[in-house]
Amino acid sequence: MQQFKIPTNIITYRGIDAAKKFVENMIDISKKINDIYQINTPMIALTEKEEKEFQIAKKMNYIKLGITVILLVNIDNVPNCFKRNF
């Protein structure tokens, strides 16, 4: 956070213009955060092993999602054409 000059400590304002100072500070921080999100960095290419592991994990998540959907659906209300796939 120091690299982008975003304060990490607690800032306290007292006085008549405390609300104004707070809003100004929040706007300043939000602009800095927005600037960080605008930075595009190239992706580091996956190795062949990492790509294979990613594809396996992705398929496993699809399978888990499918099982979850099946468990959430009352099987008695599923049309017969779908029942044979379960």
PDB file of N, CA and C in Angstrom:
ATOM      1  N   MET A   1       0.823  -1.190   0.000  1.00  0.00           N
ATOM      2  CA  MET A   1       0.000   0.000   0.000  1.00  0.00           C
ATOM      3  C   MET A   1       0.869   1.257   0.000  1.00  0.00           C
ATOM      4  N   GLN A   2       2.019   1.158   0.638  1.00  0.00           N
ATOM      5  CA  GLN A   2       2.907   2.318   0.664  1.00  0.00           C
ATOM      6  C   GLN A   2       3.381   2.663  -0.736  1.00  0.00           C
ATOM      7  N   GLN A   3       3.569   1.645  -1.563  1.00  0.00           N
ATOM      8  CA  GLN A   3       4.018   1.862  -2.937  1.00  0.00           C
ATOM      9  C   GLN A   3       3.059   2.778  -3.690  1.00  0.00           C
ATOM     10  N   PHE A   4       1.770   2.666  -3.396  1.00  0.00           N
ATOM     11  CA  PHE A   4       0.762   3.467  -4.086  1.00  0.00           C
ATOM     12  C   PHE A   4       0.284   4.646  -3.241  1.00  0.00           C
ATOM     13  N   LYS A   5       0.939   4.866  -2.126  1.00  0.00           N
ATOM     14  CA  LYS A   5       0.629   5.975  -1.212  1.00  0.00           C
ATOM     15  C   LYS A   5      -0.813   5.931  -0.716  1.00  0.00           C
ATOM     16  N   ILE A   6      -1.246   4.724  -0.376  1.00  0.00           N
ATOM     17  CA  ILE A   6      -2.566   4.539   0.210  1.00  0.00           C
ATOM     18  C   ILE A   6      -2.355   4.339   1.707  1.00  0.00           C
ATOM     19  N   PRO A   7      -2.940   5.188   2.528  1.00  0.00           N
ATOM     20  CA  PRO A   7      -2.704   5.071   3.969  1.00  0.00           C
ATOM     21  C   PRO A   7      -3.303   3.790   4.542  1.00  0.00           C
ATOM     22  N   THR A   8      -2.565   3.177   5.450  1.00  0.00           N
ATOM     23  CA  THR A   8      -3.059   1.966   6.115  1.00  0.00           C
ATOM     24  C   THR A   8      -3.319   2.216   7.597  1.00  0.00           C
ATOM     25  N   ASN A   9      -2.936   3.383   8.058  1.00  0.00           N
ATOM     26  CA  ASN A   9      -3.162   3.714   9.463  1.00  0.00           C
ATOM     27  C   ASN A   9      -4.505   4.425   9.627  1.00  0.00           C
ATOM     28  N   ILE A  10      -4.962   4.515  10.845  1.00  0.00           N
ATOM     29  CA  ILE A  10      -6.226   5.190  11.140  1.00  0.00           C
ATOM     30  C   ILE A  10      -6.000   6.691  11.103  1.00  0.00           C
ATOM     31  N   ILE A  11      -6.864   7.375  10.377  1.00  0.00           N
ATOM     32  CA  ILE A  11      -6.789   8.829  10.266  1.00  0.00           C
ATOM     33  C   ILE A  11      -8.006   9.403  10.981  1.00  0.00           C
ATOM     34  N   THR A  12      -7.769  10.302  11.911  1.00  0.00           N
ATOM     35  CA  THR A  12      -8.847  10.907  12.682  1.00  0.00           C
ATOM     36  C   THR A  12      -8.880  12.405  12.434  1.00  0.00           C
ATOM     37  N   TYR A  13     -10.064  12.910  12.106  1.00  0.00           N
ATOM     38  CA  TYR A  13     -10.258  14.344  11.934  1.00  0.00           C
ATOM     39  C   TYR A  13     -11.259  14.811  12.975  1.00  0.00           C
ATOM     40  N   ARG A  14     -10.993  15.984  13.529  1.00  0.00           N
ATOM     41  CA  ARG A  14     -11.932  16.585  14.472  1.00  0.00           C
ATOM     42  C   ARG A  14     -12.159  18.036  14.043  1.00  0.00           C
ATOM     43  N   GLY A  15     -13.334  18.494  14.294  1.00  0.00           N
ATOM     44  CA  GLY A  15     -13.614  19.889  13.981  1.00  0.00           C
ATOM     45  C   GLY A  15     -14.787  20.035  13.030  1.00  0.00           C
ATOM     46  N   ILE A  16     -14.994  21.276  12.635  1.00  0.00           N
ATOM     47  CA  ILE A  16     -16.150  21.621  11.803  1.00  0.00           C
ATOM     48  C   ILE A  16     -16.081  20.948  10.435  1.00  0.00           C
ATOM     49  N   ASP A  17     -14.895  20.874   9.849  1.00  0.00           N
ATOM     50  CA  ASP A  17     -14.775  20.335   8.500  1.00  0.00           C
ATOM     51  C   ASP A  17     -14.379  18.851   8.478  1.00  0.00           C
ATOM     52  N   ALA A  18     -14.653  18.117   9.551  1.00  0.00           N
ATOM     53  CA  ALA A  18     -14.270  16.708   9.636  1.00  0.00           C
ATOM     54  C   ALA A  18     -14.939  15.870   8.539  1.00  0.00           C
ATOM     55  N   ALA A  19     -16.215  16.094   8.293  1.00  0.00           N
ATOM     56  CA  ALA A  19     -16.928  15.328   7.264  1.00  0.00           C
ATOM     57  C   ALA A  19     -16.345  15.610   5.887  1.00  0.00           C
ATOM     58  N   LYS A  20     -16.032  16.879   5.626  1.00  0.00           N
ATOM     59  CA  LYS A  20     -15.449  17.259   4.342  1.00  0.00           C
ATOM     60  C   LYS A  20     -14.087  16.590   4.164  1.00  0.00           C
ATOM     61  N   LYS A  21     -13.266  16.619   5.196  1.00  0.00           N
ATOM     62  CA  LYS A  21     -11.936  15.994   5.133  1.00  0.00           C
ATOM     63  C   LYS A  21     -12.076  14.479   4.898  1.00  0.00           C
ATOM     64  N   PHE A  22     -13.036  13.856   5.584  1.00  0.00           N
ATOM     65  CA  PHE A  22     -13.259  12.425   5.433  1.00  0.00           C
ATOM     66  C   PHE A  22     -13.599  12.091   3.988  1.00  0.00           C
ATOM     67  N   VAL A  23     -14.546  12.829   3.413  1.00  0.00           N
ATOM     68  CA  VAL A  23     -14.971  12.568   2.036  1.00  0.00           C
ATOM     69  C   VAL A  23     -13.811  12.804   1.074  1.00  0.00           C
ATOM     70  N   GLU A  24     -13.062  13.869   1.264  1.00  0.00           N
ATOM     71  CA  GLU A  24     -11.911  14.146   0.397  1.00  0.00           C
ATOM     72  C   GLU A  24     -10.895  13.005   0.463  1.00  0.00           C
ATOM     73  N   ASN A  25     -10.659  12.513   1.677  1.00  0.00           N
ATOM     74  CA  ASN A  25      -9.716  11.418   1.858  1.00  0.00           C
ATOM     75  C   ASN A  25     -10.219  10.141   1.177  1.00  0.00           C
ATOM     76  N   MET A  26     -11.511   9.849   1.307  1.00  0.00           N
ATOM     77  CA  MET A  26     -12.085   8.659   0.673  1.00  0.00           C
ATOM     78  C   MET A  26     -12.006   8.753  -0.853  1.00  0.00           C
ATOM     79  N   ILE A  27     -12.267   9.931  -1.391  1.00  0.00           N
ATOM     80  CA  ILE A  27     -12.177  10.125  -2.842  1.00  0.00           C
ATOM     81  C   ILE A  27     -10.739   9.931  -3.306  1.00  0.00           C
ATOM     82  N   ASP A  28      -9.782  10.467  -2.552  1.00  0.00           N
ATOM     83  CA  ASP A  28      -8.369  10.323  -2.897  1.00  0.00           C
ATOM     84  C   ASP A  28      -7.958   8.845  -2.897  1.00  0.00           C
ATOM     85  N   ILE A  29      -8.362   8.119  -1.869  1.00  0.00           N
ATOM     86  CA  ILE A  29      -8.032   6.689  -1.784  1.00  0.00           C
ATOM     87  C   ILE A  29      -8.692   5.921  -2.923  1.00  0.00           C
ATOM     88  N   SER A  30      -9.950   6.230  -3.212  1.00  0.00           N
ATOM     89  CA  SER A  30     -10.656   5.506  -4.279  1.00  0.00           C
ATOM     90  C   SER A  30     -10.017   5.760  -5.638  1.00  0.00           C
ATOM     91  N   LYS A  31      -9.526   6.965  -5.880  1.00  0.00           N
ATOM     92  CA  LYS A  31      -8.832   7.249  -7.145  1.00  0.00           C
ATOM     93  C   LYS A  31      -7.544   6.443  -7.246  1.00  0.00           C
ATOM     94  N   LYS A  32      -6.828   6.316  -6.130  1.00  0.00           N
ATOM     95  CA  LYS A  32      -5.589   5.538  -6.129  1.00  0.00           C
ATOM     96  C   LYS A  32      -5.877   4.057  -6.368  1.00  0.00           C
ATOM     97  N   ILE A  33      -6.937   3.553  -5.766  1.00  0.00           N
ATOM     98  CA  ILE A  33      -7.312   2.154  -5.977  1.00  0.00           C
ATOM     99  C   ILE A  33      -7.731   1.942  -7.422  1.00  0.00           C
ATOM    100  N   ASN A  34      -8.468   2.879  -7.980  1.00  0.00           N
ATOM    101  CA  ASN A  34      -8.867   2.785  -9.380  1.00  0.00           C
ATOM    102  C   ASN A  34      -7.635   2.757 -10.281  1.00  0.00           C
ATOM    103  N   ASP A  35      -6.647   3.564  -9.969  1.00  0.00           N
ATOM    104  CA  ASP A  35      -5.410   3.572 -10.754  1.00  0.00           C
ATOM    105  C   ASP A  35      -4.722   2.208 -10.714  1.00  0.00           C
ATOM    106  N   ILE A  36      -4.764   1.560  -9.556  1.00  0.00           N
ATOM    107  CA  ILE A  36      -4.169   0.224  -9.439  1.00  0.00           C
ATOM    108  C   ILE A  36      -4.894  -0.752 -10.359  1.00  0.00           C
ATOM    109  N   TYR A  37      -6.224  -0.675 -10.394  1.00  0.00           N
ATOM    110  CA  TYR A  37      -6.994  -1.590 -11.233  1.00  0.00           C
ATOM    111  C   TYR A  37      -6.766  -1.336 -12.724  1.00  0.00           C
ATOM    112  N   GLN A  38      -6.281  -0.167 -13.083  1.00  0.00           N
ATOM    113  CA  GLN A  38      -6.039   0.145 -14.481  1.00  0.00           C
ATOM    114  C   GLN A  38      -4.711  -0.424 -14.987  1.00  0.00           C
ATOM    115  N   ILE A  39      -3.883  -0.901 -14.067  1.00  0.00           N
ATOM    116  CA  ILE A  39      -2.584  -1.456 -14.448  1.00  0.00           C
ATOM    117  C   ILE A  39      -2.795  -2.838 -15.055  1.00  0.00           C
ATOM    118  N   ASN A  40      -2.333  -3.011 -16.270  1.00  0.00           N
ATOM    119  CA  ASN A  40      -2.425  -4.308 -16.938  1.00  0.00           C
ATOM    120  C   ASN A  40      -1.053  -4.963 -16.915  1.00  0.00           C
ATOM    121  N   THR A  41      -0.993  -6.141 -16.383  1.00  0.00           N
ATOM    122  CA  THR A  41       0.255  -6.885 -16.385  1.00  0.00           C
ATOM    123  C   THR A  41       0.039  -8.173 -17.160  1.00  0.00           C
ATOM    124  N   PRO A  42       0.997  -8.560 -17.945  1.00  0.00           N
ATOM    125  CA  PRO A  42       0.815  -9.781 -18.728  1.00  0.00           C
ATOM    126  C   PRO A  42       0.749 -11.009 -17.827  1.00  0.00           C
ATOM    127  N   MET A  43      -0.046 -11.965 -18.255  1.00  0.00           N
ATOM    128  CA  MET A  43      -0.158 -13.203 -17.496  1.00  0.00           C
ATOM    129  C   MET A  43       1.112 -14.021 -17.662  1.00  0.00           C
ATOM    130  N   ILE A  44       1.465 -14.711 -16.624  1.00  0.00           N
ATOM    131  CA  ILE A  44       2.582 -15.633 -16.698  1.00  0.00           C
ATOM    132  C   ILE A  44       2.036 -16.937 -17.273  1.00  0.00           C
ATOM    133  N   ALA A  45       2.644 -17.411 -18.332  1.00  0.00           N
ATOM    134  CA  ALA A  45       2.157 -18.628 -18.984  1.00  0.00           C
ATOM    135  C   ALA A  45       2.298 -19.824 -18.050  1.00  0.00           C
ATOM    136  N   LEU A  46       1.288 -20.685 -18.091  1.00  0.00           N
ATOM    137  CA  LEU A  46       1.330 -21.899 -17.292  1.00  0.00           C
ATOM    138  C   LEU A  46       2.255 -22.915 -17.950  1.00  0.00           C
ATOM    139  N   THR A  47       2.887 -23.695 -17.124  1.00  0.00           N
ATOM    140  CA  THR A  47       3.659 -24.808 -17.665  1.00  0.00           C
ATOM    141  C   THR A  47       2.678 -25.865 -18.152  1.00  0.00           C
ATOM    142  N   GLU A  48       3.174 -26.833 -18.888  1.00  0.00           N
ATOM    143  CA  GLU A  48       2.301 -27.891 -19.396  1.00  0.00           C
ATOM    144  C   GLU A  48       1.647 -28.651 -18.244  1.00  0.00           C
ATOM    145  N   LYS A  49       2.408 -28.894 -17.185  1.00  0.00           N
ATOM    146  CA  LYS A  49       1.890 -29.596 -16.001  1.00  0.00           C
ATOM    147  C   LYS A  49       0.801 -28.767 -15.325  1.00  0.00           C
ATOM    148  N   GLU A  50       1.049 -27.453 -15.158  1.00  0.00           N
ATOM    149  CA  GLU A  50       0.070 -26.577 -14.513  1.00  0.00           C
ATOM    150  C   GLU A  50      -1.213 -26.494 -15.331  1.00  0.00           C
ATOM    151  N   GLU A  51      -1.076 -26.426 -16.663  1.00  0.00           N
ATOM    152  CA  GLU A  51      -2.248 -26.373 -17.540  1.00  0.00           C
ATOM    153  C   GLU A  51      -3.073 -27.646 -17.407  1.00  0.00           C
ATOM    154  N   LYS A  52      -2.405 -28.786 -17.354  1.00  0.00           N
ATOM    155  CA  LYS A  52      -3.092 -30.066 -17.205  1.00  0.00           C
ATOM    156  C   LYS A  52      -3.829 -30.112 -15.862  1.00  0.00           C
ATOM    157  N   GLU A  53      -3.160 -29.681 -14.788  1.00  0.00           N
ATOM    158  CA  GLU A  53      -3.783 -29.656 -13.456  1.00  0.00           C
ATOM    159  C   GLU A  53      -4.990 -28.721 -13.440  1.00  0.00           C
ATOM    160  N   PHE A  54      -4.877 -27.586 -14.126  1.00  0.00           N
ATOM    161  CA  PHE A  54      -5.984 -26.631 -14.192  1.00  0.00           C
ATOM    162  C   PHE A  54      -7.182 -27.250 -14.902  1.00  0.00           C
ATOM    163  N   GLN A  55      -6.940 -27.903 -16.029  1.00  0.00           N
ATOM    164  CA  GLN A  55      -8.043 -28.500 -16.791  1.00  0.00           C
ATOM    165  C   GLN A  55      -8.730 -29.593 -15.988  1.00  0.00           C
ATOM    166  N   ILE A  56      -7.958 -30.395 -15.250  1.00  0.00           N
ATOM    167  CA  ILE A  56      -8.540 -31.446 -14.410  1.00  0.00           C
ATOM    168  C   ILE A  56      -9.386 -30.822 -13.298  1.00  0.00           C
ATOM    169  N   ALA A  57      -8.842 -29.779 -12.648  1.00  0.00           N
ATOM    170  CA  ALA A  57      -9.582 -29.107 -11.569  1.00  0.00           C
ATOM    171  C   ALA A  57     -10.868 -28.486 -12.094  1.00  0.00           C
ATOM    172  N   LYS A  58     -10.813 -27.918 -13.294  1.00  0.00           N
ATOM    173  CA  LYS A  58     -11.998 -27.306 -13.892  1.00  0.00           C
ATOM    174  C   LYS A  58     -13.074 -28.367 -14.141  1.00  0.00           C
ATOM    175  N   LYS A  59     -12.665 -29.515 -14.670  1.00  0.00           N
ATOM    176  CA  LYS A  59     -13.631 -30.595 -14.904  1.00  0.00           C
ATOM    177  C   LYS A  59     -14.212 -31.093 -13.587  1.00  0.00           C
ATOM    178  N   MET A  60     -13.383 -31.214 -12.568  1.00  0.00           N
ATOM    179  CA  MET A  60     -13.867 -31.668 -11.267  1.00  0.00           C
ATOM    180  C   MET A  60     -14.884 -30.691 -10.684  1.00  0.00           C
ATOM    181  N   ASN A  61     -14.658 -29.392 -10.874  1.00  0.00           N
ATOM    182  CA  ASN A  61     -15.618 -28.397 -10.384  1.00  0.00           C
ATOM    183  C   ASN A  61     -16.944 -28.510 -11.117  1.00  0.00           C
ATOM    184  N   TYR A  62     -16.897 -28.785 -12.432  1.00  0.00           N
ATOM    185  CA  TYR A  62     -18.133 -28.981 -13.176  1.00  0.00           C
ATOM    186  C   TYR A  62     -18.878 -30.204 -12.653  1.00  0.00           C
ATOM    187  N   ILE A  63     -18.137 -31.260 -12.357  1.00  0.00           N
ATOM    188  CA  ILE A  63     -18.759 -32.474 -11.827  1.00  0.00           C
ATOM    189  C   ILE A  63     -19.378 -32.186 -10.460  1.00  0.00           C
ATOM    190  N   LYS A  64     -18.636 -31.473  -9.594  1.00  0.00           N
ATOM    191  CA  LYS A  64     -19.172 -31.126  -8.273  1.00  0.00           C
ATOM    192  C   LYS A  64     -20.432 -30.285  -8.413  1.00  0.00           C
ATOM    193  N   LEU A  65     -20.412 -29.327  -9.343  1.00  0.00           N
ATOM    194  CA  LEU A  65     -21.583 -28.476  -9.562  1.00  0.00           C
ATOM    195  C   LEU A  65     -22.765 -29.321 -10.011  1.00  0.00           C
ATOM    196  N   GLY A  66     -22.516 -30.259 -10.927  1.00  0.00           N
ATOM    197  CA  GLY A  66     -23.585 -31.133 -11.408  1.00  0.00           C
ATOM    198  C   GLY A  66     -24.173 -31.969 -10.293  1.00  0.00           C
ATOM    199  N   ILE A  67     -23.325 -32.504  -9.440  1.00  0.00           N
ATOM    200  CA  ILE A  67     -23.804 -33.308  -8.307  1.00  0.00           C
ATOM    201  C   ILE A  67     -24.615 -32.445  -7.354  1.00  0.00           C
ATOM    202  N   THR A  68     -24.152 -31.228  -7.111  1.00  0.00           N
ATOM    203  CA  THR A  68     -24.877 -30.312  -6.230  1.00  0.00           C
ATOM    204  C   THR A  68     -26.251 -30.004  -6.796  1.00  0.00           C
ATOM    205  N   VAL A  69     -26.312 -29.745  -8.096  1.00  0.00           N
ATOM    206  CA  VAL A  69     -27.601 -29.442  -8.727  1.00  0.00           C
ATOM    207  C   VAL A  69     -28.529 -30.641  -8.609  1.00  0.00           C
ATOM    208  N   ILE A  70     -27.998 -31.833  -8.831  1.00  0.00           N
ATOM    209  CA  ILE A  70     -28.817 -33.039  -8.732  1.00  0.00           C
ATOM    210  C   ILE A  70     -29.363 -33.190  -7.312  1.00  0.00           C
ATOM    211  N   LEU A  71     -28.526 -32.948  -6.318  1.00  0.00           N
ATOM    212  CA  LEU A  71     -28.965 -33.106  -4.938  1.00  0.00           C
ATOM    213  C   LEU A  71     -30.000 -32.053  -4.544  1.00  0.00           C
ATOM    214  N   LEU A  72     -29.923 -30.880  -5.157  1.00  0.00           N
ATOM    215  CA  LEU A  72     -30.863 -29.815  -4.819  1.00  0.00           C
ATOM    216  C   LEU A  72     -32.219 -30.008  -5.484  1.00  0.00           C
ATOM    217  N   VAL A  73     -32.244 -30.764  -6.550  1.00  0.00           N
ATOM    218  CA  VAL A  73     -33.483 -30.985  -7.292  1.00  0.00           C
ATOM    219  C   VAL A  73     -34.194 -32.194  -6.695  1.00  0.00           C
ATOM    220  N   ASN A  74     -35.484 -32.046  -6.468  1.00  0.00           N
ATOM    221  CA  ASN A  74     -36.284 -33.183  -6.003  1.00  0.00           C
ATOM    222  C   ASN A  74     -36.456 -34.120  -7.186  1.00  0.00           C
ATOM    223  N   ILE A  75     -35.886 -35.302  -7.102  1.00  0.00           N
ATOM    224  CA  ILE A  75     -35.851 -36.234  -8.225  1.00  0.00           C
ATOM    225  C   ILE A  75     -37.264 -36.631  -8.690  1.00  0.00           C
ATOM    226  N   ASP A  76     -38.258 -36.562  -7.814  1.00  0.00           N
ATOM    227  CA  ASP A  76     -39.619 -36.916  -8.204  1.00  0.00           C
ATOM    228  C   ASP A  76     -40.225 -35.904  -9.165  1.00  0.00           C
ATOM    229  N   ASN A  77     -39.729 -34.682  -9.142  1.00  0.00           N
ATOM    230  CA  ASN A  77     -40.274 -33.655 -10.020  1.00  0.00           C
ATOM    231  C   ASN A  77     -39.502 -33.514 -11.328  1.00  0.00           C
ATOM    232  N   VAL A  78     -38.465 -34.326 -11.508  1.00  0.00           N
ATOM    233  CA  VAL A  78     -37.666 -34.264 -12.730  1.00  0.00           C
ATOM    234  C   VAL A  78     -38.352 -35.082 -13.808  1.00  0.00           C
ATOM    235  N   PRO A  79     -38.467 -34.539 -15.028  1.00  0.00           N
ATOM    236  CA  PRO A  79     -39.091 -35.312 -16.110  1.00  0.00           C
ATOM    237  C   PRO A  79     -38.351 -36.627 -16.348  1.00  0.00           C
ATOM    238  N   ASN A  80     -39.069 -37.651 -16.815  1.00  0.00           N
ATOM    239  CA  ASN A  80     -38.489 -38.977 -17.034  1.00  0.00           C
ATOM    240  C   ASN A  80     -37.296 -38.947 -17.979  1.00  0.00           C
ATOM    241  N   CYS A  81     -37.325 -38.087 -18.987  1.00  0.00           N
ATOM    242  CA  CYS A  81     -36.233 -38.055 -19.943  1.00  0.00           C
ATOM    243  C   CYS A  81     -34.902 -37.680 -19.287  1.00  0.00           C
ATOM    244  N   PHE A  82     -34.955 -37.008 -18.142  1.00  0.00           N
ATOM    245  CA  PHE A  82     -33.730 -36.644 -17.440  1.00  0.00           C
ATOM    246  C   PHE A  82     -33.358 -37.676 -16.379  1.00  0.00           C
ATOM    247  N   LYS A  83     -34.319 -38.401 -15.884  1.00  0.00           N
ATOM    248  CA  LYS A  83     -34.070 -39.350 -14.801  1.00  0.00           C
ATOM    249  C   LYS A  83     -33.056 -40.427 -15.188  1.00  0.00           C
ATOM    250  N   ARG A  84     -33.093 -40.862 -16.424  1.00  0.00           N
ATOM    251  CA  ARG A  84     -32.188 -41.941 -16.823  1.00  0.00           C
ATOM    252  C   ARG A  84     -30.732 -41.487 -16.815  1.00  0.00           C
ATOM    253  N   ASN A  85     -30.477 -40.179 -16.846  1.00  0.00           N
ATOM    254  CA  ASN A  85     -29.105 -39.674 -16.802  1.00  0.00           C
ATOM    255  C   ASN A  85     -28.568 -39.627 -15.377  1.00  0.00           C
ATOM    256  N   PHE A  86     -29.423 -39.853 -14.387  1.00  0.00           N
ATOM    257  CA  PHE A  86     -28.976 -39.795 -13.001  1.00  0.00           C
ATOM    258  C   PHE A  86     -28.729 -41.182 -12.539  1.00  0.00           C
TER     259      PHE A  86
END
